[in-house]
Amino acid sequence: MWLVNAFLSALIATLTSVLAKVGIVGVNSHLATATRTAVVLVLAWFIVYLTGSQSGLGEISRRSG
């Protein structure tokens, strides 16, 4: 399972760098950063559901962090 997570992490990093260099030309830097962050967030949640880890959400306490 760790191999799948490592591969998906590399894929997300690749997509983020591609968006940073090519995909968002002529756009305000704050909007570009928000767009890249949104892509990473969507892909991270995809990994959470793909691995079945969403059941751990209830175990997070309000004081953690």
N, C-alpha and C. Protein backbone atom coordinates (compact mmCIF):
# COMPACT_ATOMS: atom_id res chain seq x y z
N MET A 1 0.81 -1.19 0.00
CA MET A 1 0.00 0.00 0.00
C MET A 1 0.86 1.26 0.00
N TRP A 2 2.01 1.20 0.67
CA TRP A 2 2.87 2.39 0.71
C TRP A 2 3.37 2.76 -0.67
N LEU A 3 3.52 1.77 -1.52
CA LEU A 3 3.99 2.02 -2.88
C LEU A 3 2.94 2.83 -3.67
N VAL A 4 1.69 2.50 -3.49
CA VAL A 4 0.61 3.23 -4.14
C VAL A 4 0.59 4.68 -3.64
N ASN A 5 0.72 4.86 -2.32
CA ASN A 5 0.73 6.22 -1.77
C ASN A 5 1.92 7.01 -2.28
N ALA A 6 3.08 6.39 -2.39
CA ALA A 6 4.26 7.08 -2.90
C ALA A 6 4.06 7.49 -4.36
N PHE A 7 3.49 6.61 -5.15
CA PHE A 7 3.23 6.92 -6.55
C PHE A 7 2.24 8.07 -6.68
N LEU A 8 1.16 8.02 -5.91
CA LEU A 8 0.16 9.09 -5.98
C LEU A 8 0.73 10.42 -5.49
N SER A 9 1.59 10.40 -4.50
CA SER A 9 2.24 11.63 -4.04
C SER A 9 3.10 12.23 -5.13
N ALA A 10 3.84 11.38 -5.81
CA ALA A 10 4.68 11.85 -6.92
C ALA A 10 3.82 12.43 -8.04
N LEU A 11 2.69 11.79 -8.32
CA LEU A 11 1.78 12.28 -9.35
C LEU A 11 1.22 13.65 -8.98
N ILE A 12 0.81 13.82 -7.74
CA ILE A 12 0.28 15.11 -7.28
C ILE A 12 1.35 16.19 -7.37
N ALA A 13 2.56 15.87 -6.96
CA ALA A 13 3.66 16.84 -7.03
C ALA A 13 3.93 17.24 -8.48
N THR A 14 3.86 16.28 -9.38
CA THR A 14 4.06 16.57 -10.79
C THR A 14 2.98 17.48 -11.33
N LEU A 15 1.73 17.17 -11.02
CA LEU A 15 0.62 18.00 -11.49
C LEU A 15 0.72 19.42 -10.94
N THR A 16 1.12 19.55 -9.69
CA THR A 16 1.25 20.87 -9.08
C THR A 16 2.34 21.68 -9.78
N SER A 17 3.47 21.05 -10.05
CA SER A 17 4.56 21.79 -10.71
C SER A 17 4.20 22.15 -12.15
N VAL A 18 3.48 21.28 -12.83
CA VAL A 18 3.04 21.60 -14.19
C VAL A 18 2.10 22.79 -14.17
N LEU A 19 1.17 22.81 -13.24
CA LEU A 19 0.27 23.96 -13.12
C LEU A 19 1.04 25.23 -12.78
N ALA A 20 2.05 25.10 -11.97
CA ALA A 20 2.83 26.27 -11.57
C ALA A 20 3.62 26.86 -12.73
N LYS A 21 4.12 26.02 -13.62
CA LYS A 21 5.00 26.50 -14.67
C LYS A 21 4.30 26.80 -15.99
N VAL A 22 3.29 26.02 -16.33
CA VAL A 22 2.73 26.13 -17.66
C VAL A 22 1.25 26.53 -17.67
N GLY A 23 0.49 25.90 -16.83
CA GLY A 23 -0.96 25.98 -16.94
C GLY A 23 -1.60 27.29 -16.56
N ILE A 24 -0.91 28.14 -15.82
CA ILE A 24 -1.56 29.36 -15.33
C ILE A 24 -0.70 30.56 -15.70
N VAL A 25 -0.77 30.95 -16.96
CA VAL A 25 0.03 32.07 -17.45
C VAL A 25 -0.85 33.32 -17.52
N GLY A 26 -0.34 34.42 -17.02
CA GLY A 26 -1.09 35.67 -17.11
C GLY A 26 -2.19 35.81 -16.08
N VAL A 27 -2.14 35.01 -15.01
CA VAL A 27 -3.16 35.05 -13.97
C VAL A 27 -2.53 35.61 -12.70
N ASN A 28 -3.30 36.33 -11.93
CA ASN A 28 -2.85 36.86 -10.65
C ASN A 28 -2.20 35.74 -9.82
N SER A 29 -1.09 36.04 -9.18
CA SER A 29 -0.34 35.00 -8.46
C SER A 29 -1.15 34.40 -7.31
N HIS A 30 -1.99 35.19 -6.66
CA HIS A 30 -2.82 34.66 -5.58
C HIS A 30 -3.85 33.67 -6.11
N LEU A 31 -4.45 34.00 -7.25
CA LEU A 31 -5.42 33.09 -7.86
C LEU A 31 -4.74 31.81 -8.34
N ALA A 32 -3.54 31.94 -8.88
CA ALA A 32 -2.80 30.76 -9.33
C ALA A 32 -2.46 29.85 -8.16
N THR A 33 -2.04 30.43 -7.04
CA THR A 33 -1.72 29.64 -5.85
C THR A 33 -2.97 28.95 -5.32
N ALA A 34 -4.09 29.65 -5.29
CA ALA A 34 -5.34 29.05 -4.83
C ALA A 34 -5.77 27.91 -5.74
N THR A 35 -5.58 28.06 -7.03
CA THR A 35 -5.95 27.00 -7.97
C THR A 35 -5.10 25.76 -7.76
N ARG A 36 -3.79 25.94 -7.62
CA ARG A 36 -2.91 24.80 -7.38
C ARG A 36 -3.25 24.12 -6.06
N THR A 37 -3.55 24.92 -5.05
CA THR A 37 -3.91 24.35 -3.75
C THR A 37 -5.20 23.55 -3.85
N ALA A 38 -6.15 24.04 -4.60
CA ALA A 38 -7.42 23.32 -4.78
C ALA A 38 -7.20 21.98 -5.47
N VAL A 39 -6.31 21.96 -6.46
CA VAL A 39 -6.01 20.70 -7.16
C VAL A 39 -5.40 19.70 -6.18
N VAL A 40 -4.45 20.15 -5.37
CA VAL A 40 -3.82 19.27 -4.39
C VAL A 40 -4.85 18.77 -3.38
N LEU A 41 -5.73 19.65 -2.93
CA LEU A 41 -6.76 19.26 -1.97
C LEU A 41 -7.69 18.19 -2.53
N VAL A 42 -8.13 18.37 -3.75
CA VAL A 42 -9.02 17.38 -4.38
C VAL A 42 -8.30 16.03 -4.52
N LEU A 43 -7.07 16.06 -4.97
CA LEU A 43 -6.34 14.80 -5.14
C LEU A 43 -6.02 14.14 -3.80
N ALA A 44 -5.77 14.94 -2.76
CA ALA A 44 -5.52 14.37 -1.43
C ALA A 44 -6.76 13.65 -0.91
N TRP A 45 -7.93 14.27 -1.07
CA TRP A 45 -9.16 13.61 -0.64
C TRP A 45 -9.44 12.36 -1.48
N PHE A 46 -9.06 12.39 -2.75
CA PHE A 46 -9.19 11.21 -3.59
C PHE A 46 -8.38 10.06 -3.01
N ILE A 47 -7.16 10.35 -2.58
CA ILE A 47 -6.31 9.32 -1.98
C ILE A 47 -6.92 8.82 -0.68
N VAL A 48 -7.47 9.71 0.13
CA VAL A 48 -8.10 9.31 1.39
C VAL A 48 -9.22 8.30 1.11
N TYR A 49 -10.08 8.60 0.15
CA TYR A 49 -11.19 7.69 -0.16
C TYR A 49 -10.71 6.43 -0.87
N LEU A 50 -9.68 6.55 -1.68
CA LEU A 50 -9.14 5.39 -2.38
C LEU A 50 -8.57 4.37 -1.39
N THR A 51 -7.93 4.86 -0.34
CA THR A 51 -7.33 3.96 0.65
C THR A 51 -8.29 3.59 1.77
N GLY A 52 -9.48 4.18 1.79
CA GLY A 52 -10.46 3.85 2.82
C GLY A 52 -10.15 4.47 4.17
N SER A 53 -9.38 5.53 4.18
CA SER A 53 -8.96 6.15 5.44
C SER A 53 -9.97 7.15 6.00
N GLN A 54 -11.05 7.41 5.30
CA GLN A 54 -12.02 8.40 5.75
C GLN A 54 -12.70 8.00 7.06
N SER A 55 -12.65 6.74 7.42
CA SER A 55 -13.28 6.31 8.67
C SER A 55 -12.54 6.88 9.89
N GLY A 56 -11.31 7.33 9.72
CA GLY A 56 -10.53 7.90 10.81
C GLY A 56 -10.88 9.34 11.12
N LEU A 57 -11.76 9.96 10.35
CA LEU A 57 -12.13 11.35 10.60
C LEU A 57 -12.75 11.54 11.98
N GLY A 58 -13.54 10.60 12.41
CA GLY A 58 -14.19 10.71 13.71
C GLY A 58 -13.23 10.60 14.88
N GLU A 59 -12.05 10.08 14.65
CA GLU A 59 -11.06 9.91 15.72
C GLU A 59 -10.24 11.16 15.99
N ILE A 60 -10.38 12.18 15.17
CA ILE A 60 -9.63 13.42 15.34
C ILE A 60 -10.30 14.25 16.43
N SER A 61 -9.54 14.59 17.46
CA SER A 61 -10.12 15.40 18.54
C SER A 61 -10.01 16.87 18.19
N ARG A 62 -10.77 17.69 18.89
CA ARG A 62 -10.74 19.14 18.67
C ARG A 62 -9.41 19.74 19.09
N ARG A 63 -8.70 19.08 19.97
CA ARG A 63 -7.44 19.61 20.48
C ARG A 63 -6.24 19.16 19.67
N SER A 64 -6.45 18.27 18.70
CA SER A 64 -5.31 17.83 17.90
C SER A 64 -4.94 18.93 16.91
N GLY A 65 -3.69 18.97 16.60
CA GLY A 65 -3.27 19.95 15.61
C GLY A 65 -2.30 20.84 16.17
